[in-house]
PDB file of all heavy atoms in Angstrom:
ATOM      1  N   TYR A   1      36.336 106.053 148.589  1.00  0.00           N
ATOM      2  CA  TYR A   1      37.010 104.999 149.329  1.00  0.00           C
ATOM      3  C   TYR A   1      37.658 105.556 150.594  1.00  0.00           C
ATOM      4  O   TYR A   1      38.075 106.698 150.649  1.00  0.00           O
ATOM      5  CB  TYR A   1      38.090 104.351 148.458  1.00  0.00           C
ATOM      6  CG  TYR A   1      37.566 103.851 147.142  1.00  0.00           C
ATOM      7  CD1 TYR A   1      37.718 104.609 145.979  1.00  0.00           C
ATOM      8  CD2 TYR A   1      36.906 102.639 147.057  1.00  0.00           C
ATOM      9  CE1 TYR A   1      37.239 104.152 144.766  1.00  0.00           C
ATOM     10  CE2 TYR A   1      36.421 102.174 145.846  1.00  0.00           C
ATOM     11  CZ  TYR A   1      36.587 102.936 144.704  1.00  0.00           C
ATOM     12  OH  TYR A   1      36.106 102.488 143.507  1.00  0.00           O
ATOM     13  N   SER A   2      37.762 104.714 151.597  1.00  0.00           N
ATOM     14  CA  SER A   2      38.335 105.135 152.870  1.00  0.00           C
ATOM     15  C   SER A   2      39.848 104.999 152.891  1.00  0.00           C
ATOM     16  O   SER A   2      40.549 105.801 153.474  1.00  0.00           O
ATOM     17  CB  SER A   2      37.737 104.313 154.019  1.00  0.00           C
ATOM     18  OG  SER A   2      36.351 104.499 154.083  1.00  0.00           O
ATOM     19  N   GLU A   3      40.354 103.952 152.272  1.00  0.00           N
ATOM     20  CA  GLU A   3      41.791 103.689 152.318  1.00  0.00           C
ATOM     21  C   GLU A   3      42.384 103.780 150.920  1.00  0.00           C
ATOM     22  O   GLU A   3      41.775 103.378 149.932  1.00  0.00           O
ATOM     23  CB  GLU A   3      42.059 102.283 152.892  1.00  0.00           C
ATOM     24  CG  GLU A   3      41.597 102.105 154.322  1.00  0.00           C
ATOM     25  CD  GLU A   3      42.349 102.997 155.299  1.00  0.00           C
ATOM     26  OE1 GLU A   3      43.515 103.343 155.006  1.00  0.00           O
ATOM     27  OE2 GLU A   3      41.773 103.338 156.340  1.00  0.00           O
ATOM     28  N   GLU A   4      43.600 104.332 150.865  1.00  0.00           N
ATOM     29  CA  GLU A   4      44.303 104.485 149.590  1.00  0.00           C
ATOM     30  C   GLU A   4      44.414 103.156 148.858  1.00  0.00           C
ATOM     31  O   GLU A   4      44.261 103.082 147.649  1.00  0.00           O
ATOM     32  CB  GLU A   4      45.696 105.052 149.870  1.00  0.00           C
ATOM     33  CG  GLU A   4      46.393 105.673 148.660  1.00  0.00           C
ATOM     34  CD  GLU A   4      45.882 107.067 148.366  1.00  0.00           C
ATOM     35  OE1 GLU A   4      45.448 107.752 149.293  1.00  0.00           O
ATOM     36  OE2 GLU A   4      45.912 107.451 147.192  1.00  0.00           O
ATOM     37  N   SER A   5      44.639 102.077 149.604  1.00  0.00           N
ATOM     38  CA  SER A   5      44.894 100.779 148.985  1.00  0.00           C
ATOM     39  C   SER A   5      43.644 100.169 148.349  1.00  0.00           C
ATOM     40  O   SER A   5      43.748  99.241 147.557  1.00  0.00           O
ATOM     41  CB  SER A   5      45.454  99.810 150.029  1.00  0.00           C
ATOM     42  OG  SER A   5      44.517  99.650 151.080  1.00  0.00           O
ATOM     43  N   THR A   6      42.464 100.670 148.695  1.00  0.00           N
ATOM     44  CA  THR A   6      41.241 100.061 148.171  1.00  0.00           C
ATOM     45  C   THR A   6      40.818 100.657 146.834  1.00  0.00           C
ATOM     46  O   THR A   6      39.862 100.188 146.234  1.00  0.00           O
ATOM     47  CB  THR A   6      40.083 100.233 149.167  1.00  0.00           C
ATOM     48  OG1 THR A   6      39.779 101.630 149.302  1.00  0.00           O
ATOM     49  CG2 THR A   6      40.420  99.655 150.516  1.00  0.00           C
ATOM     50  N   LYS A   7      41.487 101.678 146.362  1.00  0.00           N
ATOM     51  CA  LYS A   7      41.063 102.333 145.134  1.00  0.00           C
ATOM     52  C   LYS A   7      41.376 101.448 143.932  1.00  0.00           C
ATOM     53  O   LYS A   7      42.518 101.075 143.708  1.00  0.00           O
ATOM     54  CB  LYS A   7      41.744 103.694 144.996  1.00  0.00           C
ATOM     55  CG  LYS A   7      41.304 104.660 146.089  1.00  0.00           C
ATOM     56  CD  LYS A   7      42.081 105.952 146.038  1.00  0.00           C
ATOM     57  CE  LYS A   7      41.706 106.811 147.236  1.00  0.00           C
ATOM     58  NZ  LYS A   7      42.493 108.038 147.314  1.00  0.00           N
ATOM     59  N   ASP A   8      40.359 101.146 143.174  1.00  0.00           N
ATOM     60  CA  ASP A   8      40.531 100.284 142.011  1.00  0.00           C
ATOM     61  C   ASP A   8      39.765 100.913 140.853  1.00  0.00           C
ATOM     62  O   ASP A   8      38.599 100.612 140.620  1.00  0.00           O
ATOM     63  CB  ASP A   8      40.002  98.879 142.314  1.00  0.00           C
ATOM     64  CG  ASP A   8      40.171  97.936 141.130  1.00  0.00           C
ATOM     65  OD1 ASP A   8      40.820  98.338 140.144  1.00  0.00           O
ATOM     66  OD2 ASP A   8      39.644  96.826 141.179  1.00  0.00           O
ATOM     67  N   TYR A   9      40.443 101.791 140.137  1.00  0.00           N
ATOM     68  CA  TYR A   9      39.750 102.525 139.084  1.00  0.00           C
ATOM     69  C   TYR A   9      39.462 101.656 137.863  1.00  0.00           C
ATOM     70  O   TYR A   9      38.697 102.055 136.992  1.00  0.00           O
ATOM     71  CB  TYR A   9      40.562 103.763 138.690  1.00  0.00           C
ATOM     72  CG  TYR A   9      40.709 104.744 139.825  1.00  0.00           C
ATOM     73  CD1 TYR A   9      41.952 105.075 140.335  1.00  0.00           C
ATOM     74  CD2 TYR A   9      39.587 105.323 140.412  1.00  0.00           C
ATOM     75  CE1 TYR A   9      42.081 105.968 141.383  1.00  0.00           C
ATOM     76  CE2 TYR A   9      39.710 106.214 141.460  1.00  0.00           C
ATOM     77  CZ  TYR A   9      40.960 106.533 141.942  1.00  0.00           C
ATOM     78  OH  TYR A   9      41.083 107.414 142.981  1.00  0.00           O
ATOM     79  N   GLN A  10      40.095 100.462 137.792  1.00  0.00           N
ATOM     80  CA  GLN A  10      39.739  99.550 136.718  1.00  0.00           C
ATOM     81  C   GLN A  10      38.302  99.070 136.892  1.00  0.00           C
ATOM     82  O   GLN A  10      37.680  98.599 135.953  1.00  0.00           O
ATOM     83  CB  GLN A  10      40.700  98.368 136.684  1.00  0.00           C
ATOM     84  CG  GLN A  10      42.119  98.750 136.271  1.00  0.00           C
ATOM     85  CD  GLN A  10      42.166  99.525 134.969  1.00  0.00           C
ATOM     86  OE1 GLN A  10      42.381 100.728 134.964  1.00  0.00           O
ATOM     87  NE2 GLN A  10      41.949  98.861 133.862  1.00  0.00           N
ATOM     88  N   HIS A  11      37.771  99.182 138.125  1.00  0.00           N
ATOM     89  CA  HIS A  11      36.378  98.846 138.372  1.00  0.00           C
ATOM     90  C   HIS A  11      35.562 100.111 138.636  1.00  0.00           C
ATOM     91  O   HIS A  11      34.634 100.122 139.430  1.00  0.00           O
ATOM     92  CB  HIS A  11      36.258  97.851 139.525  1.00  0.00           C
ATOM     93  CG  HIS A  11      36.688  96.474 139.131  1.00  0.00           C
ATOM     94  ND1 HIS A  11      37.991  96.057 139.200  1.00  0.00           N
ATOM     95  CD2 HIS A  11      35.985  95.427 138.625  1.00  0.00           C
ATOM     96  CE1 HIS A  11      38.075  94.810 138.768  1.00  0.00           C
ATOM     97  NE2 HIS A  11      36.882  94.405 138.416  1.00  0.00           N
ATOM     98  N   SER A  12      35.925 101.156 137.939  1.00  0.00           N
ATOM     99  CA  SER A  12      35.143 102.388 137.932  1.00  0.00           C
ATOM    100  C   SER A  12      34.022 102.244 136.913  1.00  0.00           C
ATOM    101  O   SER A  12      34.242 101.770 135.788  1.00  0.00           O
ATOM    102  CB  SER A  12      36.040 103.571 137.558  1.00  0.00           C
ATOM    103  OG  SER A  12      35.290 104.624 136.987  1.00  0.00           O
ATOM    104  N   TYR A  13      32.829 102.654 137.294  1.00  0.00           N
ATOM    105  CA  TYR A  13      31.699 102.581 136.358  1.00  0.00           C
ATOM    106  C   TYR A  13      31.987 103.420 135.125  1.00  0.00           C
ATOM    107  O   TYR A  13      31.784 102.966 133.990  1.00  0.00           O
ATOM    108  CB  TYR A  13      30.428 103.070 137.052  1.00  0.00           C
ATOM    109  CG  TYR A  13      29.203 103.031 136.164  1.00  0.00           C
ATOM    110  CD1 TYR A  13      28.400 101.895 136.105  1.00  0.00           C
ATOM    111  CD2 TYR A  13      28.841 104.124 135.377  1.00  0.00           C
ATOM    112  CE1 TYR A  13      27.286 101.842 135.283  1.00  0.00           C
ATOM    113  CE2 TYR A  13      27.728 104.084 134.552  1.00  0.00           C
ATOM    114  CZ  TYR A  13      26.952 102.946 134.511  1.00  0.00           C
ATOM    115  OH  TYR A  13      25.847 102.900 133.685  1.00  0.00           O
ATOM    116  N   GLU A  14      32.439 104.651 135.329  1.00  0.00           N
ATOM    117  CA  GLU A  14      32.696 105.545 134.192  1.00  0.00           C
ATOM    118  C   GLU A  14      33.745 104.969 133.247  1.00  0.00           C
ATOM    119  O   GLU A  14      33.546 104.942 132.025  1.00  0.00           O
ATOM    120  CB  GLU A  14      33.184 106.913 134.688  1.00  0.00           C
ATOM    121  CG  GLU A  14      32.104 107.845 135.164  1.00  0.00           C
ATOM    122  CD  GLU A  14      32.669 109.230 135.430  1.00  0.00           C
ATOM    123  OE1 GLU A  14      33.719 109.340 136.092  1.00  0.00           O
ATOM    124  OE2 GLU A  14      32.064 110.202 134.973  1.00  0.00           O
ATOM    125  N   ILE A  15      34.863 104.531 133.782  1.00  0.00           N
ATOM    126  CA  ILE A  15      35.954 104.047 132.936  1.00  0.00           C
ATOM    127  C   ILE A  15      35.526 102.804 132.173  1.00  0.00           C
ATOM    128  O   ILE A  15      35.778 102.667 130.965  1.00  0.00           O
ATOM    129  CB  ILE A  15      37.208 103.768 133.789  1.00  0.00           C
ATOM    130  CG1 ILE A  15      37.765 105.082 134.338  1.00  0.00           C
ATOM    131  CG2 ILE A  15      38.268 103.036 132.969  1.00  0.00           C
ATOM    132  CD1 ILE A  15      38.930 104.903 135.288  1.00  0.00           C
ATOM    133  N   THR A  16      34.853 101.901 132.852  1.00  0.00           N
ATOM    134  CA  THR A  16      34.408 100.673 132.195  1.00  0.00           C
ATOM    135  C   THR A  16      33.388 100.978 131.102  1.00  0.00           C
ATOM    136  O   THR A  16      33.451 100.414 129.998  1.00  0.00           O
ATOM    137  CB  THR A  16      33.798  99.707 133.226  1.00  0.00           C
ATOM    138  OG1 THR A  16      34.733  99.497 134.280  1.00  0.00           O
ATOM    139  CG2 THR A  16      33.445  98.377 132.588  1.00  0.00           C
ATOM    140  N   ALA A  17      32.447 101.878 131.380  1.00  0.00           N
ATOM    141  CA  ALA A  17      31.427 102.227 130.388  1.00  0.00           C
ATOM    142  C   ALA A  17      32.055 102.896 129.170  1.00  0.00           C
ATOM    143  O   ALA A  17      31.649 102.645 128.026  1.00  0.00           O
ATOM    144  CB  ALA A  17      30.388 103.144 131.021  1.00  0.00           C
ATOM    145  N   ARG A  18      33.038 103.752 129.388  1.00  0.00           N
ATOM    146  CA  ARG A  18      33.730 104.394 128.261  1.00  0.00           C
ATOM    147  C   ARG A  18      34.427 103.342 127.396  1.00  0.00           C
ATOM    148  O   ARG A  18      34.438 103.457 126.160  1.00  0.00           O
ATOM    149  CB  ARG A  18      34.758 105.409 128.782  1.00  0.00           C
ATOM    150  CG  ARG A  18      34.162 106.726 129.282  1.00  0.00           C
ATOM    151  CD  ARG A  18      35.203 107.579 129.972  1.00  0.00           C
ATOM    152  NE  ARG A  18      34.683 108.846 130.442  1.00  0.00           N
ATOM    153  CZ  ARG A  18      34.798 110.011 129.812  1.00  0.00           C
ATOM    154  NH1 ARG A  18      35.421 110.054 128.655  1.00  0.00           N
ATOM    155  NH2 ARG A  18      34.301 111.120 130.322  1.00  0.00           N
ATOM    156  N   ARG A  19      34.999 102.341 128.023  1.00  0.00           N
ATOM    157  CA  ARG A  19      35.683 101.298 127.263  1.00  0.00           C
ATOM    158  C   ARG A  19      34.692 100.527 126.397  1.00  0.00           C
ATOM    159  O   ARG A  19      34.955 100.245 125.223  1.00  0.00           O
ATOM    160  CB  ARG A  19      36.390 100.353 128.249  1.00  0.00           C
ATOM    161  CG  ARG A  19      37.367  99.381 127.639  1.00  0.00           C
ATOM    162  CD  ARG A  19      38.632 100.057 127.130  1.00  0.00           C
ATOM    163  NE  ARG A  19      39.174 101.028 128.068  1.00  0.00           N
ATOM    164  CZ  ARG A  19      39.875 100.740 129.158  1.00  0.00           C
ATOM    165  NH1 ARG A  19      40.117  99.486 129.466  1.00  0.00           N
ATOM    166  NH2 ARG A  19      40.342 101.687 129.925  1.00  0.00           N
ATOM    167  N   VAL A  20      33.548 100.187 126.961  1.00  0.00           N
ATOM    168  CA  VAL A  20      32.545  99.427 126.207  1.00  0.00           C
ATOM    169  C   VAL A  20      31.981 100.252 125.058  1.00  0.00           C
ATOM    170  O   VAL A  20      31.884  99.780 123.922  1.00  0.00           O
ATOM    171  CB  VAL A  20      31.412  98.966 127.144  1.00  0.00           C
ATOM    172  CG1 VAL A  20      30.262  98.365 126.345  1.00  0.00           C
ATOM    173  CG2 VAL A  20      31.940  97.947 128.155  1.00  0.00           C
ATOM    174  N   LEU A  21      31.610 101.499 125.332  1.00  0.00           N
ATOM    175  CA  LEU A  21      30.959 102.334 124.319  1.00  0.00           C
ATOM    176  C   LEU A  21      31.941 102.873 123.289  1.00  0.00           C
ATOM    177  O   LEU A  21      31.550 103.196 122.163  1.00  0.00           O
ATOM    178  CB  LEU A  21      30.233 103.501 124.994  1.00  0.00           C
ATOM    179  CG  LEU A  21      29.050 103.114 125.883  1.00  0.00           C
ATOM    180  CD1 LEU A  21      28.519 104.336 126.633  1.00  0.00           C
ATOM    181  CD2 LEU A  21      27.931 102.489 125.060  1.00  0.00           C
ATOM    182  N   GLY A  22      33.235 103.003 123.667  1.00  0.00           N
ATOM    183  CA  GLY A  22      34.221 103.524 122.727  1.00  0.00           C
ATOM    184  C   GLY A  22      34.451 102.622 121.541  1.00  0.00           C
ATOM    185  O   GLY A  22      34.851 103.078 120.466  1.00  0.00           O
ATOM    186  N   ALA A  23      34.219 101.328 121.722  1.00  0.00           N
ATOM    187  CA  ALA A  23      34.276 100.336 120.636  1.00  0.00           C
ATOM    188  C   ALA A  23      35.675 100.169 120.047  1.00  0.00           C
ATOM    189  O   ALA A  23      35.823  99.727 118.910  1.00  0.00           O
ATOM    190  CB  ALA A  23      33.278 100.697 119.517  1.00  0.00           C
ATOM    191  N   ALA A  24      36.699 100.528 120.804  1.00  0.00           N
ATOM    192  CA  ALA A  24      38.063 100.335 120.318  1.00  0.00           C
ATOM    193  C   ALA A  24      38.493  98.885 120.502  1.00  0.00           C
ATOM    194  O   ALA A  24      38.017  98.194 121.413  1.00  0.00           O
ATOM    195  CB  ALA A  24      39.019 101.260 121.070  1.00  0.00           C
ATOM    196  N   PRO A  25      39.421  98.398 119.675  1.00  0.00           N
ATOM    197  CA  PRO A  25      39.970  97.052 119.900  1.00  0.00           C
ATOM    198  C   PRO A  25      40.663  96.979 121.256  1.00  0.00           C
ATOM    199  O   PRO A  25      41.035  97.999 121.838  1.00  0.00           O
ATOM    200  CB  PRO A  25      40.991  96.900 118.759  1.00  0.00           C
ATOM    201  CG  PRO A  25      40.583  97.903 117.735  1.00  0.00           C
ATOM    202  CD  PRO A  25      39.969  99.046 118.485  1.00  0.00           C
ATOM    203  N   GLU A  26      40.828  95.768 121.762  1.00  0.00           N
ATOM    204  CA  GLU A  26      41.488  95.582 123.051  1.00  0.00           C
ATOM    205  C   GLU A  26      42.912  96.123 122.996  1.00  0.00           C
ATOM    206  O   GLU A  26      43.601  95.975 121.975  1.00  0.00           O
ATOM    207  CB  GLU A  26      41.519  94.102 123.422  1.00  0.00           C
ATOM    208  CG  GLU A  26      40.159  93.544 123.777  1.00  0.00           C
ATOM    209  CD  GLU A  26      39.566  94.220 125.009  1.00  0.00           C
ATOM    210  OE1 GLU A  26      40.163  94.136 126.091  1.00  0.00           O
ATOM    211  OE2 GLU A  26      38.494  94.836 124.867  1.00  0.00           O
ATOM    212  N   HIS A  27      43.359  96.731 124.103  1.00  0.00           N
ATOM    213  CA  HIS A  27      44.710  97.285 124.117  1.00  0.00           C
ATOM    214  C   HIS A  27      45.737  96.153 124.084  1.00  0.00           C
ATOM    215  O   HIS A  27      45.496  95.044 124.577  1.00  0.00           O
ATOM    216  CB  HIS A  27      44.922  98.203 125.327  1.00  0.00           C
ATOM    217  CG  HIS A  27      44.679  97.569 126.649  1.00  0.00           C
ATOM    218  ND1 HIS A  27      43.418  97.378 127.169  1.00  0.00           N
ATOM    219  CD2 HIS A  27      45.548  97.085 127.570  1.00  0.00           C
ATOM    220  CE1 HIS A  27      43.508  96.807 128.354  1.00  0.00           C
ATOM    221  NE2 HIS A  27      44.792  96.610 128.622  1.00  0.00           N
ATOM    222  N   VAL A  28      46.892  96.459 123.521  1.00  0.00           N
ATOM    223  CA  VAL A  28      47.908  95.441 123.271  1.00  0.00           C
ATOM    224  C   VAL A  28      48.699  95.127 124.531  1.00  0.00           C
ATOM    225  O   VAL A  28      48.927  93.968 124.879  1.00  0.00           O
ATOM    226  CB  VAL A  28      48.862  95.920 122.149  1.00  0.00           C
ATOM    227  CG1 VAL A  28      49.973  94.907 121.914  1.00  0.00           C
ATOM    228  CG2 VAL A  28      48.074  96.164 120.865  1.00  0.00           C
ATOM    229  N   ASP A  29      49.160  96.185 125.228  1.00  0.00           N
ATOM    230  CA  ASP A  29      49.908  96.010 126.467  1.00  0.00           C
ATOM    231  C   ASP A  29      49.658  97.240 127.323  1.00  0.00           C
ATOM    232  O   ASP A  29      48.783  98.052 127.014  1.00  0.00           O
ATOM    233  CB  ASP A  29      51.401  95.783 126.196  1.00  0.00           C
ATOM    234  CG  ASP A  29      52.022  96.892 125.350  1.00  0.00           C
ATOM    235  OD1 ASP A  29      51.719  98.084 125.602  1.00  0.00           O
ATOM    236  OD2 ASP A  29      52.808  96.590 124.439  1.00  0.00           O
ATOM    237  N   LYS A  30      50.437  97.389 128.394  1.00  0.00           N
ATOM    238  CA  LYS A  30      50.164  98.469 129.341  1.00  0.00           C
ATOM    239  C   LYS A  30      50.355  99.854 128.737  1.00  0.00           C
ATOM    240  O   LYS A  30      49.864 100.845 129.285  1.00  0.00           O
ATOM    241  CB  LYS A  30      51.042  98.323 130.579  1.00  0.00           C
ATOM    242  CG  LYS A  30      52.544  98.445 130.313  1.00  0.00           C
ATOM    243  CD  LYS A  30      53.351  98.251 131.590  1.00  0.00           C
ATOM    244  CE  LYS A  30      54.858  98.353 131.328  1.00  0.00           C
ATOM    245  NZ  LYS A  30      55.642  98.172 132.563  1.00  0.00           N
ATOM    246  N   TYR A  31      51.080  99.955 127.620  1.00  0.00           N
ATOM    247  CA  TYR A  31      51.364 101.253 127.019  1.00  0.00           C
ATOM    248  C   TYR A  31      50.809 101.415 125.603  1.00  0.00           C
ATOM    249  O   TYR A  31      50.910 102.487 125.019  1.00  0.00           O
ATOM    250  CB  TYR A  31      52.871 101.501 126.962  1.00  0.00           C
ATOM    251  CG  TYR A  31      53.524 101.738 128.301  1.00  0.00           C
ATOM    252  CD1 TYR A  31      54.807 101.261 128.561  1.00  0.00           C
ATOM    253  CD2 TYR A  31      52.875 102.448 129.304  1.00  0.00           C
ATOM    254  CE1 TYR A  31      55.427 101.485 129.788  1.00  0.00           C
ATOM    255  CE2 TYR A  31      53.481 102.665 130.533  1.00  0.00           C
ATOM    256  CZ  TYR A  31      54.748 102.188 130.775  1.00  0.00           C
ATOM    257  OH  TYR A  31      55.352 102.417 131.987  1.00  0.00           O
ATOM    258  N   THR A  32      50.252 100.390 125.025  1.00  0.00           N
ATOM    259  CA  THR A  32      49.797 100.465 123.640  1.00  0.00           C
ATOM    260  C   THR A  32      48.301 100.193 123.580  1.00  0.00           C
ATOM    261  O   THR A  32      47.844  99.122 123.970  1.00  0.00           O
ATOM    262  CB  THR A  32      50.537  99.443 122.755  1.00  0.00           C
ATOM    263  OG1 THR A  32      51.943  99.595 122.943  1.00  0.00           O
ATOM    264  CG2 THR A  32      50.192  99.665 121.291  1.00  0.00           C
ATOM    265  N   PHE A  33      47.553 101.171 123.095  1.00  0.00           N
ATOM    266  CA  PHE A  33      46.110 101.002 122.984  1.00  0.00           C
ATOM    267  C   PHE A  33      45.611 101.717 121.739  1.00  0.00           C
ATOM    268  O   PHE A  33      46.283 102.591 121.187  1.00  0.00           O
ATOM    269  CB  PHE A  33      45.402 101.548 124.228  1.00  0.00           C
ATOM    270  CG  PHE A  33      45.499 103.048 124.388  1.00  0.00           C
ATOM    271  CD1 PHE A  33      44.451 103.876 124.006  1.00  0.00           C
ATOM    272  CD2 PHE A  33      46.638 103.636 124.930  1.00  0.00           C
ATOM    273  CE1 PHE A  33      44.543 105.251 124.146  1.00  0.00           C
ATOM    274  CE2 PHE A  33      46.731 105.001 125.087  1.00  0.00           C
ATOM    275  CZ  PHE A  33      45.683 105.824 124.696  1.00  0.00           C
ATOM    276  N   PHE A  34      44.445 101.327 121.288  1.00  0.00           N
ATOM    277  CA  PHE A  34      43.811 101.965 120.138  1.00  0.00           C
ATOM    278  C   PHE A  34      42.787 102.968 120.671  1.00  0.00           C
ATOM    279  O   PHE A  34      41.800 102.568 121.286  1.00  0.00           O
ATOM    280  CB  PHE A  34      43.133 100.920 119.249  1.00  0.00           C
ATOM    281  CG  PHE A  34      44.090  99.944 118.651  1.00  0.00           C
ATOM    282  CD1 PHE A  34      44.415  98.767 119.310  1.00  0.00           C
ATOM    283  CD2 PHE A  34      44.688 100.204 117.431  1.00  0.00           C
ATOM    284  CE1 PHE A  34      45.310  97.863 118.775  1.00  0.00           C
ATOM    285  CE2 PHE A  34      45.597  99.301 116.879  1.00  0.00           C
ATOM    286  CZ  PHE A  34      45.902  98.124 117.556  1.00  0.00           C
ATOM    287  N   PRO A  35      43.013 104.249 120.460  1.00  0.00           N
ATOM    288  CA  PRO A  35      42.177 105.259 121.131  1.00  0.00           C
ATOM    289  C   PRO A  35      40.782 105.376 120.526  1.00  0.00           C
ATOM    290  O   PRO A  35      40.578 105.175 119.325  1.00  0.00           O
ATOM    291  CB  PRO A  35      42.966 106.546 120.918  1.00  0.00           C
ATOM    292  CG  PRO A  35      43.751 106.319 119.668  1.00  0.00           C
ATOM    293  CD  PRO A  35      44.086 104.852 119.655  1.00  0.00           C
ATOM    294  N   SER A  36      39.839 105.701 121.395  1.00  0.00           N
ATOM    295  CA  SER A  36      38.505 106.124 120.960  1.00  0.00           C
ATOM    296  C   SER A  36      38.296 107.541 121.469  1.00  0.00           C
ATOM    297  O   SER A  36      39.062 108.032 122.310  1.00  0.00           O
ATOM    298  CB  SER A  36      37.425 105.197 121.522  1.00  0.00           C
ATOM    299  OG  SER A  36      37.210 105.463 122.904  1.00  0.00           O
ATOM    300  N   ALA A  37      37.269 108.200 120.997  1.00  0.00           N
ATOM    301  CA  ALA A  37      36.990 109.564 121.452  1.00  0.00           C
ATOM    302  C   ALA A  37      36.743 109.601 122.954  1.00  0.00           C
ATOM    303  O   ALA A  37      37.029 110.607 123.618  1.00  0.00           O
ATOM    304  CB  ALA A  37      35.796 110.146 120.696  1.00  0.00           C
TER     305      ALA A  37
END
């Protein structure tokens, strides 16, 4: 990305794919989540 403000890691391919494949339940809030490997 060119500008600091445009970085949106929630739309990172890697992060999103890890979430789908990890098969963990949806996280509860910003600090509580069920971990996968």
